[in-house]
Amino acid sequence: MADILYLVWFDAPSGLPERFEWHGDAQALADGLWLVRSDLTRSELYHRIKWQMPEDSPLLVAPLEDTRDGWPKFKGMEAGALKWLRQG
């Protein structure tokens, strides 16, 4: 399976657990907001992230499809995020 680009959001006030594994290549956009490239399905990635987070942490994992318009549009995110996206 080819790598899929996902948007991942979570709300964990204490941040990511120690030795957190993204199961792919990840880039922060903002606190709790990440882009992740993974060869896992949405369900597989969701569950592998969920199992690492505190039990009551809200979590969103959504695939971003390639379109003729190109990459997602954003501004004001973490330095290097757009470069990371374009290099993928």
Protein backbone atom coordinates (compact mmCIF):
# COMPACT_ATOMS: atom_id res chain seq x y z
CA MET A 1 0.00 0.00 0.00
CA ALA A 2 1.29 3.51 -0.80
CA ASP A 3 1.80 6.04 1.95
CA ILE A 4 -1.35 7.98 2.81
CA LEU A 5 -1.30 11.50 4.18
CA TYR A 6 -3.39 11.90 7.36
CA LEU A 7 -4.39 14.85 9.47
CA VAL A 8 -4.17 13.89 13.15
CA TRP A 9 -5.51 15.96 16.05
CA PHE A 10 -5.48 15.07 19.71
CA ASP A 11 -6.00 16.87 23.00
CA ALA A 12 -3.56 15.59 25.61
CA PRO A 13 -2.65 18.38 28.06
CA SER A 14 0.49 16.52 29.12
CA GLY A 15 1.67 16.23 25.50
CA LEU A 16 2.81 13.09 23.73
CA PRO A 17 3.73 10.11 25.87
CA GLU A 18 7.42 9.25 26.14
CA ARG A 19 8.63 7.08 23.21
CA PHE A 20 5.50 7.85 21.21
CA GLU A 21 5.42 6.02 17.84
CA TRP A 22 3.65 7.65 14.87
CA HIS A 23 3.84 4.52 12.68
CA GLY A 24 4.96 6.72 9.80
CA ASP A 25 6.63 10.04 9.09
CA ALA A 26 5.12 12.89 11.11
CA GLN A 27 5.26 16.68 11.08
CA ALA A 28 3.77 19.00 13.70
CA LEU A 29 1.49 21.77 12.48
CA ALA A 30 0.54 23.16 15.92
CA ASP A 31 0.00 21.85 19.45
CA GLY A 32 -1.85 18.57 19.03
CA LEU A 33 -2.18 18.96 15.23
CA TRP A 34 0.00 16.80 12.97
CA LEU A 35 0.41 15.57 9.42
CA VAL A 36 1.35 11.89 9.25
CA ARG A 37 2.41 9.83 6.22
CA SER A 38 1.82 6.15 6.85
CA ASP A 39 1.19 2.94 4.95
CA LEU A 40 -1.39 1.95 7.58
CA THR A 41 -5.12 2.22 6.99
CA ARG A 42 -7.02 4.96 8.81
CA SER A 43 -8.37 2.43 11.30
CA GLU A 44 -4.94 0.88 11.95
CA LEU A 45 -3.29 4.28 12.48
CA TYR A 46 -6.16 5.52 14.66
CA HIS A 47 -5.98 2.50 16.97
CA ARG A 48 -2.18 2.50 17.24
CA ILE A 49 -2.19 6.17 18.21
CA LYS A 50 -5.21 5.74 20.53
CA TRP A 51 -3.54 2.90 22.46
CA GLN A 52 -0.60 5.19 23.27
CA MET A 53 -2.66 8.14 24.53
CA PRO A 54 -4.32 8.60 27.93
CA GLU A 55 -7.67 6.82 27.86
CA ASP A 56 -9.87 9.93 27.80
CA SER A 57 -7.88 11.87 25.15
CA PRO A 58 -9.95 13.14 22.21
CA LEU A 59 -8.47 11.99 18.89
CA LEU A 60 -9.14 12.60 15.18
CA VAL A 61 -7.43 10.75 12.30
CA ALA A 62 -8.56 11.81 8.81
CA PRO A 63 -7.02 10.95 5.44
CA LEU A 64 -6.19 13.84 3.10
CA GLU A 65 -6.70 12.89 -0.53
CA ASP A 66 -4.52 14.09 -3.38
CA THR A 67 -6.36 16.51 -5.60
CA ARG A 68 -5.54 18.40 -8.76
CA ASP A 69 -5.23 21.48 -6.55
CA GLY A 70 -2.25 20.00 -4.71
CA TRP A 71 -1.39 20.19 -1.02
CA PRO A 72 -3.59 21.38 1.84
CA LYS A 73 -3.51 25.15 2.31
CA PHE A 74 -2.45 26.56 5.67
CA LYS A 75 -0.59 29.43 7.31
CA GLY A 76 0.82 30.20 10.72
CA MET A 77 1.79 26.59 11.42
CA GLU A 78 5.08 25.18 12.75
CA ALA A 79 8.22 26.21 10.86
CA GLY A 80 9.15 23.68 8.19
CA ALA A 81 5.68 22.13 7.86
CA LEU A 82 5.13 23.15 4.23
CA LYS A 83 8.65 22.08 3.27
CA TRP A 84 8.05 18.67 4.91
CA LEU A 85 4.78 18.30 3.01
CA ARG A 86 6.35 19.15 -0.36
CA GLN A 87 9.27 16.75 0.18
CA GLY A 88 6.98 13.78 0.68
